[in-house]
C-alpha atoms as a PDB file:
ATOM      1  CA  MET A   1       0.000   0.000   0.000  1.00  0.00           C
ATOM      2  CA  MET A   2       1.281   3.444  -0.881  1.00  0.00           C
ATOM      3  CA  SER A   3       1.420   5.978   1.938  1.00  0.00           C
ATOM      4  CA  ASN A   4       2.971   9.259   2.893  1.00  0.00           C
ATOM      5  CA  GLY A   5       5.565   7.557   5.065  1.00  0.00           C
ATOM      6  CA  ASN A   6       3.652   7.656   8.336  1.00  0.00           C
ATOM      7  CA  GLY A   7       1.253   4.825   7.517  1.00  0.00           C
ATOM      8  CA  HIS A   8      -1.652   6.993   6.304  1.00  0.00           C
ATOM      9  CA  THR A   9      -2.784   6.937   2.698  1.00  0.00           C
ATOM     10  CA  THR A  10      -3.076  10.431   1.228  1.00  0.00           C
ATOM     11  CA  MET A  11      -5.039  12.027  -1.599  1.00  0.00           C
ATOM     12  CA  LYS A  12      -1.785  12.216  -3.575  1.00  0.00           C
ATOM     13  CA  ASP A  13      -1.428   8.433  -3.310  1.00  0.00           C
ATOM     14  CA  VAL A  14      -4.921   7.986  -4.752  1.00  0.00           C
ATOM     15  CA  ALA A  15      -4.204  10.516  -7.504  1.00  0.00           C
ATOM     16  CA  ARG A  16      -0.970   8.732  -8.441  1.00  0.00           C
ATOM     17  CA  LEU A  17      -2.699   5.346  -8.674  1.00  0.00           C
ATOM     18  CA  ALA A  18      -5.655   6.718 -10.644  1.00  0.00           C
ATOM     19  CA  GLY A  19      -3.459   8.799 -12.945  1.00  0.00           C
ATOM     20  CA  VAL A  20      -5.219  12.072 -12.160  1.00  0.00           C
ATOM     21  CA  SER A  21      -4.514  15.205 -10.132  1.00  0.00           C
ATOM     22  CA  PRO A  22      -5.263  15.472  -6.383  1.00  0.00           C
ATOM     23  CA  ALA A  23      -7.842  18.138  -7.209  1.00  0.00           C
ATOM     24  CA  THR A  24      -9.642  15.687  -9.480  1.00  0.00           C
ATOM     25  CA  VAL A  25      -9.602  13.088  -6.678  1.00  0.00           C
ATOM     26  CA  SER A  26     -11.270  15.580  -4.340  1.00  0.00           C
ATOM     27  CA  LEU A  27     -13.936  16.438  -6.911  1.00  0.00           C
ATOM     28  CA  ALA A  28     -14.508  12.810  -7.912  1.00  0.00           C
ATOM     29  CA  LEU A  29     -14.990  11.615  -4.339  1.00  0.00           C
ATOM     30  CA  GLY A  30     -17.433  14.479  -3.893  1.00  0.00           C
ATOM     31  CA  ASN A  31     -19.504  13.286  -6.873  1.00  0.00           C
ATOM     32  CA  ASP A  32     -18.849  16.610  -8.586  1.00  0.00           C
ATOM     33  CA  PRO A  33     -20.567  16.618 -12.015  1.00  0.00           C
ATOM     34  CA  ARG A  34     -17.526  18.370 -13.517  1.00  0.00           C
ATOM     35  CA  VAL A  35     -15.756  14.985 -13.364  1.00  0.00           C
ATOM     36  CA  ASN A  36     -17.103  12.413 -15.809  1.00  0.00           C
ATOM     37  CA  ILE A  37     -18.559   9.164 -14.487  1.00  0.00           C
ATOM     38  CA  LYS A  38     -15.735   6.993 -15.829  1.00  0.00           C
ATOM     39  CA  THR A  39     -13.099   9.069 -14.029  1.00  0.00           C
ATOM     40  CA  ARG A  40     -15.154   9.097 -10.823  1.00  0.00           C
ATOM     41  CA  GLU A  41     -15.329   5.309 -10.902  1.00  0.00           C
ATOM     42  CA  LEU A  42     -11.592   5.087 -11.566  1.00  0.00           C
ATOM     43  CA  VAL A  43     -10.856   7.321  -8.569  1.00  0.00           C
ATOM     44  CA  ARG A  44     -13.226   5.372  -6.305  1.00  0.00           C
ATOM     45  CA  GLU A  45     -11.547   2.110  -7.306  1.00  0.00           C
ATOM     46  CA  ALA A  46      -8.152   3.574  -6.450  1.00  0.00           C
ATOM     47  CA  ALA A  47      -9.448   4.932  -3.126  1.00  0.00           C
ATOM     48  CA  ASP A  48     -10.971   1.549  -2.276  1.00  0.00           C
ATOM     49  CA  LYS A  49      -7.769  -0.275  -3.133  1.00  0.00           C
ATOM     50  CA  LEU A  50      -5.740   2.044  -0.900  1.00  0.00           C
ATOM     51  CA  ARG A  51      -8.488   2.184   1.785  1.00  0.00           C
ATOM     52  CA  TYR A  52      -8.345   5.966   1.656  1.00  0.00           C
ATOM     53  CA  ILE A  53     -10.843   7.985   3.709  1.00  0.00           C
ATOM     54  CA  PRO A  54     -10.758  11.740   2.963  1.00  0.00           C
ATOM     55  CA  ASN A  55     -11.179  13.878   6.065  1.00  0.00           C
ATOM     56  CA  GLU A  56     -13.201  16.402   4.110  1.00  0.00           C
ATOM     57  CA  ILE A  57     -16.030  13.899   3.682  1.00  0.00           C
ATOM     58  CA  GLY A  58     -17.016  14.329   7.298  1.00  0.00           C
ATOM     59  CA  ARG A  59     -17.074  18.113   6.886  1.00  0.00           C
ATOM     60  CA  SER A  60     -18.955  18.199   3.598  1.00  0.00           C
ATOM     61  CA  LEU A  61     -21.771  15.797   4.423  1.00  0.00           C
ATOM     62  CA  ARG A  62     -23.778  18.421   6.278  1.00  0.00           C
ATOM     63  CA  SER A  63     -24.471  20.214   3.002  1.00  0.00           C
ATOM     64  CA  GLN A  64     -25.371  17.009   1.111  1.00  0.00           C
ATOM     65  CA  LYS A  65     -28.008  15.382   3.277  1.00  0.00           C
ATOM     66  CA  THR A  66     -29.238  11.885   2.514  1.00  0.00           C
ATOM     67  CA  GLU A  67     -31.927  11.871   5.234  1.00  0.00           C
ATOM     68  CA  THR A  68     -30.445   8.507   6.239  1.00  0.00           C
ATOM     69  CA  ILE A  69     -28.781   7.304   9.434  1.00  0.00           C
ATOM     70  CA  ALA A  70     -26.518   4.249   9.407  1.00  0.00           C
ATOM     71  CA  LEU A  71     -26.496   1.731  12.253  1.00  0.00           C
ATOM     72  CA  ILE A  72     -23.378  -0.414  12.291  1.00  0.00           C
ATOM     73  CA  ILE A  73     -23.434  -3.567  14.399  1.00  0.00           C
ATOM     74  CA  PRO A  74     -20.972  -6.459  14.736  1.00  0.00           C
ATOM     75  CA  ASN A  75     -21.529  -9.790  13.050  1.00  0.00           C
ATOM     76  CA  THR A  76     -23.271 -12.121  15.515  1.00  0.00           C
ATOM     77  CA  SER A  77     -24.499 -15.713  15.563  1.00  0.00           C
ATOM     78  CA  HIS A  78     -28.059 -14.322  15.649  1.00  0.00           C
ATOM     79  CA  HIS A  79     -29.912 -12.608  12.853  1.00  0.00           C
ATOM     80  CA  VAL A  80     -30.035  -8.983  13.942  1.00  0.00           C
ATOM     81  CA  PHE A  81     -33.824  -8.846  14.143  1.00  0.00           C
ATOM     82  CA  SER A  82     -33.983 -11.903  16.408  1.00  0.00           C
ATOM     83  CA  HIS A  83     -31.071 -10.910  18.652  1.00  0.00           C
ATOM     84  CA  PRO A  84     -32.649  -9.802  21.960  1.00  0.00           C
ATOM     85  CA  TYR A  85     -30.407  -6.770  22.454  1.00  0.00           C
ATOM     86  CA  PHE A  86     -30.315  -5.494  18.886  1.00  0.00           C
ATOM     87  CA  ALA A  87     -34.044  -6.034  18.350  1.00  0.00           C
ATOM     88  CA  LYS A  88     -34.841  -3.669  21.253  1.00  0.00           C
ATOM     89  CA  LEU A  89     -32.159  -1.239  20.150  1.00  0.00           C
ATOM     90  CA  LEU A  90     -33.587  -1.135  16.638  1.00  0.00           C
ATOM     91  CA  GLU A  91     -37.068  -0.557  18.010  1.00  0.00           C
ATOM     92  CA  GLY A  92     -35.903   2.599  19.772  1.00  0.00           C
ATOM     93  CA  ILE A  93     -33.846   3.916  16.872  1.00  0.00           C
ATOM     94  CA  THR A  94     -36.523   3.381  14.224  1.00  0.00           C
ATOM     95  CA  GLU A  95     -39.166   5.003  16.425  1.00  0.00           C
ATOM     96  CA  VAL A  96     -37.195   8.261  16.455  1.00  0.00           C
ATOM     97  CA  LEU A  97     -36.158   8.099  12.804  1.00  0.00           C
ATOM     98  CA  ASN A  98     -39.726   7.483  11.653  1.00  0.00           C
ATOM     99  CA  GLU A  99     -40.928  10.493  13.643  1.00  0.00           C
ATOM    100  CA  ASN A 100     -38.296  12.629  11.915  1.00  0.00           C
ATOM    101  CA  GLU A 101     -38.754  11.125   8.426  1.00  0.00           C
ATOM    102  CA  TYR A 102     -35.266   9.639   8.310  1.00  0.00           C
ATOM    103  CA  ASN A 103     -34.303   6.318   6.766  1.00  0.00           C
ATOM    104  CA  LEU A 104     -32.194   3.641   8.462  1.00  0.00           C
ATOM    105  CA  LEU A 105     -29.254   1.937   6.773  1.00  0.00           C
ATOM    106  CA  LEU A 106     -28.292  -1.230   8.657  1.00  0.00           C
ATOM    107  CA  SER A 107     -24.819  -2.668   8.179  1.00  0.00           C
ATOM    108  CA  THR A 108     -22.759  -5.339   9.910  1.00  0.00           C
ATOM    109  CA  THR A 109     -18.999  -5.369  10.136  1.00  0.00           C
ATOM    110  CA  ALA A 110     -16.281  -7.720  11.274  1.00  0.00           C
ATOM    111  CA  GLU A 111     -14.223  -5.835  13.827  1.00  0.00           C
ATOM    112  CA  GLU A 112     -10.566  -5.097  13.029  1.00  0.00           C
ATOM    113  CA  SER A 113     -11.021  -6.818   9.672  1.00  0.00           C
ATOM    114  CA  ASP A 114      -8.584  -6.226   6.836  1.00  0.00           C
ATOM    115  CA  GLU A 115     -11.518  -6.142   4.442  1.00  0.00           C
ATOM    116  CA  GLN A 116     -13.207  -2.896   3.498  1.00  0.00           C
ATOM    117  CA  SER A 117     -15.279  -2.080   6.558  1.00  0.00           C
ATOM    118  CA  ALA A 118     -18.858  -0.921   6.824  1.00  0.00           C
ATOM    119  CA  TYR A 119     -17.472   2.365   8.164  1.00  0.00           C
ATOM    120  CA  GLU A 120     -15.427   2.996   5.044  1.00  0.00           C
ATOM    121  CA  LYS A 121     -18.291   2.135   2.715  1.00  0.00           C
ATOM    122  CA  VAL A 122     -20.591   4.608   4.444  1.00  0.00           C
ATOM    123  CA  LEU A 123     -17.950   7.331   4.308  1.00  0.00           C
ATOM    124  CA  ARG A 124     -16.795   6.882   0.738  1.00  0.00           C
ATOM    125  CA  ASN A 125     -20.218   6.402  -0.770  1.00  0.00           C
ATOM    126  CA  ARG A 126     -21.871   9.127   1.316  1.00  0.00           C
ATOM    127  CA  ARG A 127     -24.732   6.803   2.068  1.00  0.00           C
ATOM    128  CA  ALA A 128     -25.706   8.392   5.394  1.00  0.00           C
ATOM    129  CA  ASP A 129     -25.605  11.707   7.232  1.00  0.00           C
ATOM    130  CA  GLY A 130     -24.388  10.137  10.456  1.00  0.00           C
ATOM    131  CA  VAL A 131     -23.666   6.785  12.089  1.00  0.00           C
ATOM    132  CA  ILE A 132     -24.696   5.000  15.273  1.00  0.00           C
ATOM    133  CA  VAL A 133     -22.076   2.386  16.159  1.00  0.00           C
ATOM    134  CA  SER A 134     -23.192  -0.317  18.561  1.00  0.00           C
ATOM    135  CA  SER A 135     -19.857  -1.963  19.298  1.00  0.00           C
ATOM    136  CA  ALA A 136     -16.170  -1.502  18.549  1.00  0.00           C
ATOM    137  CA  SER A 137     -13.011  -2.799  20.120  1.00  0.00           C
ATOM    138  CA  LEU A 138     -10.598  -0.349  21.680  1.00  0.00           C
ATOM    139  CA  TYR A 139      -8.140  -1.103  18.873  1.00  0.00           C
ATOM    140  CA  ASP A 140     -10.481  -1.154  15.875  1.00  0.00           C
ATOM    141  CA  ARG A 141      -8.583   0.865  13.271  1.00  0.00           C
ATOM    142  CA  ASN A 142     -11.644   1.183  11.056  1.00  0.00           C
ATOM    143  CA  PHE A 143     -13.702   2.773  13.822  1.00  0.00           C
ATOM    144  CA  LEU A 144     -10.848   5.068  14.820  1.00  0.00           C
ATOM    145  CA  ARG A 145     -10.541   6.258  11.225  1.00  0.00           C
ATOM    146  CA  LEU A 146     -14.265   6.966  11.191  1.00  0.00           C
ATOM    147  CA  VAL A 147     -13.970   9.119  14.319  1.00  0.00           C
ATOM    148  CA  ASP A 148     -10.882  10.916  13.005  1.00  0.00           C
ATOM    149  CA  SER A 149     -12.659  11.733   9.728  1.00  0.00           C
ATOM    150  CA  GLY A 150     -15.004  14.148  11.500  1.00  0.00           C
ATOM    151  CA  PHE A 151     -18.072  12.169  10.436  1.00  0.00           C
ATOM    152  CA  PRO A 152     -21.012  12.540  12.901  1.00  0.00           C
ATOM    153  CA  VAL A 153     -20.921   9.480  15.182  1.00  0.00           C
ATOM    154  CA  VAL A 154     -22.784   8.317  18.277  1.00  0.00           C
ATOM    155  CA  TYR A 155     -21.250   5.310  20.015  1.00  0.00           C
ATOM    156  CA  LEU A 156     -23.322   2.981  22.190  1.00  0.00           C
ATOM    157  CA  GLY A 157     -21.141   2.320  25.191  1.00  0.00           C
ATOM    158  CA  PRO A 158     -18.218   3.764  27.113  1.00  0.00           C
ATOM    159  CA  TRP A 159     -15.282   5.120  25.130  1.00  0.00           C
ATOM    160  CA  SER A 160     -11.976   6.517  26.306  1.00  0.00           C
ATOM    161  CA  ASN A 161     -12.100   9.468  23.890  1.00  0.00           C
ATOM    162  CA  ASN A 162     -14.238  12.156  25.501  1.00  0.00           C
ATOM    163  CA  ASP A 163     -14.610  13.978  22.180  1.00  0.00           C
ATOM    164  CA  ILE A 164     -17.139  11.525  20.738  1.00  0.00           C
ATOM    165  CA  TYR A 165     -20.832  11.329  21.536  1.00  0.00           C
ATOM    166  CA  THR A 166     -21.869   8.280  23.562  1.00  0.00           C
ATOM    167  CA  VAL A 167     -24.938   6.702  25.092  1.00  0.00           C
ATOM    168  CA  GLU A 168     -23.848   4.198  27.702  1.00  0.00           C
ATOM    169  CA  ARG A 169     -24.902   2.313  30.806  1.00  0.00           C
ATOM    170  CA  ASP A 170     -23.349   2.433  34.228  1.00  0.00           C
ATOM    171  CA  ASP A 171     -21.847  -1.008  33.662  1.00  0.00           C
ATOM    172  CA  VAL A 172     -19.502  -0.882  36.640  1.00  0.00           C
ATOM    173  CA  THR A 173     -22.363  -0.264  39.078  1.00  0.00           C
ATOM    174  CA  GLY A 174     -24.561  -2.859  37.384  1.00  0.00           C
ATOM    175  CA  ALA A 175     -21.914  -5.568  37.611  1.00  0.00           C
ATOM    176  CA  PHE A 176     -21.067  -4.520  41.162  1.00  0.00           C
ATOM    177  CA  SER A 177     -24.697  -4.889  42.270  1.00  0.00           C
ATOM    178  CA  ALA A 178     -24.973  -8.357  40.709  1.00  0.00           C
ATOM    179  CA  THR A 179     -21.751  -9.639  42.271  1.00  0.00           C
ATOM    180  CA  ASN A 180     -22.363  -7.951  45.607  1.00  0.00           C
ATOM    181  CA  HIS A 181     -25.803  -9.583  45.815  1.00  0.00           C
ATOM    182  CA  LEU A 182     -24.244 -13.009  45.343  1.00  0.00           C
ATOM    183  CA  LEU A 183     -21.603 -12.291  47.980  1.00  0.00           C
ATOM    184  CA  LYS A 184     -24.268 -11.144  50.455  1.00  0.00           C
ATOM    185  CA  LEU A 185     -26.002 -14.486  49.884  1.00  0.00           C
ATOM    186  CA  GLY A 186     -22.835 -16.196  51.089  1.00  0.00           C
ATOM    187  CA  ARG A 187     -21.454 -17.203  47.712  1.00  0.00           C
ATOM    188  CA  ARG A 188     -17.664 -17.130  47.652  1.00  0.00           C
ATOM    189  CA  LYS A 189     -16.598 -18.911  44.459  1.00  0.00           C
ATOM    190  CA  ILE A 190     -18.245 -16.798  41.780  1.00  0.00           C
ATOM    191  CA  VAL A 191     -17.502 -17.539  38.139  1.00  0.00           C
ATOM    192  CA  HIS A 192     -17.582 -14.542  35.805  1.00  0.00           C
ATOM    193  CA  PHE A 193     -18.192 -15.150  32.111  1.00  0.00           C
ATOM    194  CA  THR A 194     -17.072 -11.923  30.467  1.00  0.00           C
ATOM    195  CA  GLY A 195     -17.257 -10.748  26.886  1.00  0.00           C
ATOM    196  CA  PRO A 196     -14.134  -9.835  24.873  1.00  0.00           C
ATOM    197  CA  LEU A 197     -11.891  -7.662  27.020  1.00  0.00           C
ATOM    198  CA  ASN A 198     -10.723  -5.531  24.108  1.00  0.00           C
ATOM    199  CA  HIS A 199     -14.084  -3.756  24.538  1.00  0.00           C
ATOM    200  CA  GLN A 200     -14.503  -1.159  27.284  1.00  0.00           C
ATOM    201  CA  VAL A 201     -17.986  -2.393  28.224  1.00  0.00           C
ATOM    202  CA  TRP A 202     -16.651  -5.802  29.288  1.00  0.00           C
ATOM    203  CA  ARG A 203     -13.728  -4.250  31.111  1.00  0.00           C
ATOM    204  CA  ASP A 204     -16.212  -2.125  33.052  1.00  0.00           C
ATOM    205  CA  ARG A 205     -18.359  -5.119  34.003  1.00  0.00           C
ATOM    206  CA  LEU A 206     -15.267  -7.011  35.088  1.00  0.00           C
ATOM    207  CA  GLU A 207     -14.269  -3.981  37.159  1.00  0.00           C
ATOM    208  CA  GLY A 208     -17.650  -4.084  38.918  1.00  0.00           C
ATOM    209  CA  TYR A 209     -17.142  -7.779  39.669  1.00  0.00           C
ATOM    210  CA  ARG A 210     -13.711  -7.050  41.130  1.00  0.00           C
ATOM    211  CA  LEU A 211     -14.891  -4.043  43.154  1.00  0.00           C
ATOM    212  CA  ALA A 212     -17.606  -6.099  44.843  1.00  0.00           C
ATOM    213  CA  HIS A 213     -15.057  -8.679  45.940  1.00  0.00           C
ATOM    214  CA  GLN A 214     -12.703  -5.953  47.108  1.00  0.00           C
ATOM    215  CA  GLN A 215     -15.350  -4.184  49.193  1.00  0.00           C
ATOM    216  CA  ASN A 216     -16.374  -7.487  50.779  1.00  0.00           C
ATOM    217  CA  GLN A 217     -12.719  -8.410  51.351  1.00  0.00           C
ATOM    218  CA  ILE A 218     -13.087 -11.618  49.356  1.00  0.00           C
ATOM    219  CA  SER A 219     -10.217 -12.805  47.180  1.00  0.00           C
ATOM    220  CA  ILE A 220     -10.836 -13.773  43.549  1.00  0.00           C
ATOM    221  CA  ASN A 221      -9.740 -17.021  41.969  1.00  0.00           C
ATOM    222  CA  GLU A 222      -8.595 -15.734  38.563  1.00  0.00           C
ATOM    223  CA  GLU A 223      -9.346 -19.160  37.096  1.00  0.00           C
ATOM    224  CA  LEU A 224     -13.027 -18.266  37.498  1.00  0.00           C
ATOM    225  CA  VAL A 225     -12.799 -15.196  35.216  1.00  0.00           C
ATOM    226  CA  ILE A 226     -13.370 -16.559  31.722  1.00  0.00           C
ATOM    227  CA  GLU A 227     -13.686 -14.712  28.402  1.00  0.00           C
ATOM    228  CA  LYS A 228     -16.579 -15.944  26.242  1.00  0.00           C
ATOM    229  CA  ASP A 229     -18.330 -15.056  22.986  1.00  0.00           C
ATOM    230  CA  LEU A 230     -21.672 -13.880  24.440  1.00  0.00           C
ATOM    231  CA  SER A 231     -23.892 -16.717  23.178  1.00  0.00           C
ATOM    232  CA  VAL A 232     -26.164 -19.306  24.812  1.00  0.00           C
ATOM    233  CA  GLN A 233     -23.830 -21.988  23.485  1.00  0.00           C
ATOM    234  CA  ALA A 234     -20.809 -20.302  25.059  1.00  0.00           C
ATOM    235  CA  GLY A 235     -22.472 -20.321  28.485  1.00  0.00           C
ATOM    236  CA  TYR A 236     -23.578 -23.926  28.044  1.00  0.00           C
ATOM    237  CA  GLU A 237     -20.137 -25.152  27.013  1.00  0.00           C
ATOM    238  CA  GLY A 238     -18.325 -22.959  29.534  1.00  0.00           C
ATOM    239  CA  VAL A 239     -20.125 -24.525  32.481  1.00  0.00           C
ATOM    240  CA  ALA A 240     -19.589 -28.002  31.031  1.00  0.00           C
ATOM    241  CA  GLU A 241     -15.849 -27.356  30.947  1.00  0.00           C
ATOM    242  CA  LEU A 242     -15.794 -26.119  34.549  1.00  0.00           C
ATOM    243  CA  LEU A 243     -17.706 -29.168  35.743  1.00  0.00           C
ATOM    244  CA  ASP A 244     -15.626 -31.601  33.697  1.00  0.00           C
ATOM    245  CA  ARG A 245     -12.425 -30.080  35.093  1.00  0.00           C
ATOM    246  CA  GLN A 246     -13.950 -30.279  38.580  1.00  0.00           C
ATOM    247  CA  ILE A 247     -13.306 -26.610  39.290  1.00  0.00           C
ATOM    248  CA  PRO A 248     -15.423 -25.740  42.348  1.00  0.00           C
ATOM    249  CA  PHE A 249     -17.839 -22.802  42.145  1.00  0.00           C
ATOM    250  CA  ASP A 250     -21.071 -21.883  43.895  1.00  0.00           C
ATOM    251  CA  ALA A 251     -22.304 -18.996  41.727  1.00  0.00           C
ATOM    252  CA  LEU A 252     -21.996 -17.577  38.235  1.00  0.00           C
ATOM    253  CA  PHE A 253     -22.303 -13.992  37.035  1.00  0.00           C
ATOM    254  CA  ALA A 254     -22.570 -13.902  33.259  1.00  0.00           C
ATOM    255  CA  GLY A 255     -21.839 -10.737  31.307  1.00  0.00           C
ATOM    256  CA  ASN A 256     -25.107 -11.150  29.423  1.00  0.00           C
ATOM    257  CA  ASP A 257     -28.364 -13.093  29.759  1.00  0.00           C
ATOM    258  CA  LEU A 258     -27.686 -15.376  26.811  1.00  0.00           C
ATOM    259  CA  MET A 259     -24.603 -16.826  28.494  1.00  0.00           C
ATOM    260  CA  ALA A 260     -26.474 -17.068  31.808  1.00  0.00           C
ATOM    261  CA  ILE A 261     -29.327 -19.021  30.226  1.00  0.00           C
ATOM    262  CA  GLY A 262     -26.890 -21.379  28.507  1.00  0.00           C
ATOM    263  CA  ALA A 263     -25.110 -21.889  31.823  1.00  0.00           C
ATOM    264  CA  MET A 264     -28.366 -22.695  33.644  1.00  0.00           C
ATOM    265  CA  LYS A 265     -29.353 -25.154  30.927  1.00  0.00           C
ATOM    266  CA  GLN A 266     -26.105 -27.066  31.406  1.00  0.00           C
ATOM    267  CA  LEU A 267     -26.434 -27.065  35.195  1.00  0.00           C
ATOM    268  CA  LEU A 268     -30.016 -28.330  35.107  1.00  0.00           C
ATOM    269  CA  GLU A 269     -29.146 -31.054  32.591  1.00  0.00           C
ATOM    270  CA  ARG A 270     -26.401 -32.229  34.961  1.00  0.00           C
ATOM    271  CA  GLY A 271     -28.888 -32.464  37.814  1.00  0.00           C
ATOM    272  CA  ILE A 272     -27.407 -29.459  39.627  1.00  0.00           C
ATOM    273  CA  LYS A 273     -30.056 -27.391  41.377  1.00  0.00           C
ATOM    274  CA  VAL A 274     -30.341 -23.681  40.613  1.00  0.00           C
ATOM    275  CA  PRO A 275     -30.198 -21.764  42.940  1.00  0.00           C
ATOM    276  CA  GLU A 276     -29.882 -24.281  45.786  1.00  0.00           C
ATOM    277  CA  GLN A 277     -26.439 -25.482  44.710  1.00  0.00           C
ATOM    278  CA  ILE A 278     -25.318 -22.803  42.279  1.00  0.00           C
ATOM    279  CA  SER A 279     -26.740 -19.290  41.902  1.00  0.00           C
ATOM    280  CA  VAL A 280     -26.816 -17.615  38.487  1.00  0.00           C
ATOM    281  CA  VAL A 281     -27.103 -13.925  37.553  1.00  0.00           C
ATOM    282  CA  GLY A 282     -27.105 -12.359  34.083  1.00  0.00           C
ATOM    283  CA  PHE A 283     -26.994  -8.881  32.576  1.00  0.00           C
ATOM    284  CA  ASP A 284     -29.434  -7.176  30.145  1.00  0.00           C
ATOM    285  CA  ASP A 285     -32.911  -8.356  31.263  1.00  0.00           C
ATOM    286  CA  ILE A 286     -33.995  -9.695  27.884  1.00  0.00           C
ATOM    287  CA  ASP A 287     -37.545 -11.044  27.609  1.00  0.00           C
ATOM    288  CA  MET A 288     -36.335 -14.633  27.902  1.00  0.00           C
ATOM    289  CA  ALA A 289     -34.895 -13.910  31.360  1.00  0.00           C
ATOM    290  CA  SER A 290     -38.336 -13.868  32.978  1.00  0.00           C
ATOM    291  CA  MET A 291     -39.620 -16.829  30.918  1.00  0.00           C
ATOM    292  CA  PHE A 292     -36.888 -19.367  31.640  1.00  0.00           C
ATOM    293  CA  HIS A 293     -37.308 -21.650  34.649  1.00  0.00           C
ATOM    294  CA  PRO A 294     -36.011 -20.794  37.130  1.00  0.00           C
ATOM    295  CA  THR A 295     -36.506 -17.153  36.201  1.00  0.00           C
ATOM    296  CA  LEU A 296     -33.203 -15.350  35.813  1.00  0.00           C
ATOM    297  CA  THR A 297     -31.929 -12.743  38.229  1.00  0.00           C
ATOM    298  CA  THR A 298     -30.311 -10.133  36.031  1.00  0.00           C
ATOM    299  CA  VAL A 299     -29.187  -6.534  35.691  1.00  0.00           C
ATOM    300  CA  HIS A 300     -31.745  -4.553  33.713  1.00  0.00           C
ATOM    301  CA  GLN A 301     -30.459  -2.119  31.120  1.00  0.00           C
ATOM    302  CA  PRO A 302     -32.845   0.091  29.105  1.00  0.00           C
ATOM    303  CA  MET A 303     -32.131  -1.262  25.628  1.00  0.00           C
ATOM    304  CA  LYS A 304     -34.931   0.481  23.752  1.00  0.00           C
ATOM    305  CA  GLN A 305     -34.236   3.758  25.558  1.00  0.00           C
ATOM    306  CA  THR A 306     -30.599   3.480  24.509  1.00  0.00           C
ATOM    307  CA  GLY A 307     -31.716   3.399  20.881  1.00  0.00           C
ATOM    308  CA  ILE A 308     -34.110   6.312  21.357  1.00  0.00           C
ATOM    309  CA  LEU A 309     -31.496   8.531  22.996  1.00  0.00           C
ATOM    310  CA  ALA A 310     -28.804   7.624  20.474  1.00  0.00           C
ATOM    311  CA  ALA A 311     -31.014   8.539  17.527  1.00  0.00           C
ATOM    312  CA  GLN A 312     -32.170  11.766  19.188  1.00  0.00           C
ATOM    313  CA  LYS A 313     -28.589  12.727  19.984  1.00  0.00           C
ATOM    314  CA  LEU A 314     -27.346  12.079  16.455  1.00  0.00           C
ATOM    315  CA  LEU A 315     -30.202  14.029  14.867  1.00  0.00           C
ATOM    316  CA  GLY A 316     -29.488  16.890  17.263  1.00  0.00           C
ATOM    317  CA  VAL A 317     -25.852  16.930  16.180  1.00  0.00           C
ATOM    318  CA  LEU A 318     -26.859  16.888  12.507  1.00  0.00           C
ATOM    319  CA  ASN A 319     -29.224  19.806  13.103  1.00  0.00           C
ATOM    320  CA  GLY A 320     -26.406  21.864  14.605  1.00  0.00           C
ATOM    321  CA  ARG A 321     -27.691  21.943  18.166  1.00  0.00           C
ATOM    322  CA  GLU A 322     -25.016  23.092  20.578  1.00  0.00           C
ATOM    323  CA  ASP A 323     -26.700  21.834  23.759  1.00  0.00           C
ATOM    324  CA  ILE A 324     -26.081  18.130  23.040  1.00  0.00           C
ATOM    325  CA  GLU A 325     -24.123  16.538  25.884  1.00  0.00           C
ATOM    326  CA  LYS A 326     -21.211  14.355  24.861  1.00  0.00           C
ATOM    327  CA  LYS A 327     -21.919  11.530  27.281  1.00  0.00           C
ATOM    328  CA  THR A 328     -25.294  10.151  28.357  1.00  0.00           C
ATOM    329  CA  VAL A 329     -25.153   7.511  31.100  1.00  0.00           C
ATOM    330  CA  LEU A 330     -28.212   5.348  31.772  1.00  0.00           C
ATOM    331  CA  GLN A 331     -28.746   3.649  35.103  1.00  0.00           C
ATOM    332  CA  THR A 332     -29.085  -0.098  35.586  1.00  0.00           C
ATOM    333  CA  LYS A 333     -31.200  -2.028  38.096  1.00  0.00           C
ATOM    334  CA  LEU A 334     -30.787  -5.474  39.628  1.00  0.00           C
ATOM    335  CA  MET A 335     -33.905  -7.570  38.980  1.00  0.00           C
ATOM    336  CA  ILE A 336     -33.994 -10.259  41.674  1.00  0.00           C
ATOM    337  CA  ARG A 337     -35.752 -13.437  40.556  1.00  0.00           C
ATOM    338  CA  GLU A 338     -35.478 -17.161  41.238  1.00  0.00           C
ATOM    339  CA  SER A 339     -32.035 -18.097  39.934  1.00  0.00           C
ATOM    340  CA  CYS A 340     -29.986 -16.737  42.831  1.00  0.00           C
ATOM    341  CA  GLY A 341     -32.183 -17.763  45.756  1.00  0.00           C
ATOM    342  CA  GLY A 342     -32.660 -14.410  47.399  1.00  0.00           C
END
């Protein structure tokens, strides 16, 4: 890949590959009618090949509205419309967009992929006025390029960069309340199934788990902190492995409800009583949590409200409002049900 020497592809690199001037590259990427269609396509092909994202795209989009908002979500084992979290999120986002006569462009992306990302496609093709991003690792180069481009972005979750707009939960407090509840019930060997720790949200939930142990002066067996892929199957197989290895535990706090439900299914199939022998707590409060037997104790997060606030915030930014707060933090609540025994 050609670059300017510091690892970043420049407009000159694109111009050199396409055999045109940098000024023509700028006009072509802006769909300027003064550049013929064939040349525009040639420039776009060169930009795609070099994975070039012009910073001016983010600045110029305000004057070329598409009346469309993009929602970028990670690839999951669920279809997006059947995934409990994303289904509620979509409900909130579409409610606001419909009220404001905006369209929704839904795109999935593989994080930190070497392939052209959903972020780049939205930027280069000017397919949306702004983007809501539901998940990104702390090291996702594609997402970082999107933020650096100046394109209007709202991120759903905590992010270390205070300059971007976020809608997030108080994950530390939520995880603390779940773990603290188990400790108050006398549980001392608490497994924690966490999501990928290259995401701030899972680091925050792990921090809450650790803080609860610290405040109760209970040491943590690090063997009980296990990174999983957030699915029912992951919870099911994770508990099977713990039992097969004969690792003792008397409670489990899963980073989401899907893992918690998978864990309970494995325990019940093995003849282990929940909560009498092992207590289980999840996070999210999806509909299935109150339908499973025993009903799942979990940390409620307002999923639909997250979508509503994210869409409202992004539209406010696009409309030039100056009173939009950078960070919106939603509170969580522990929903005590049958699976923890108290």
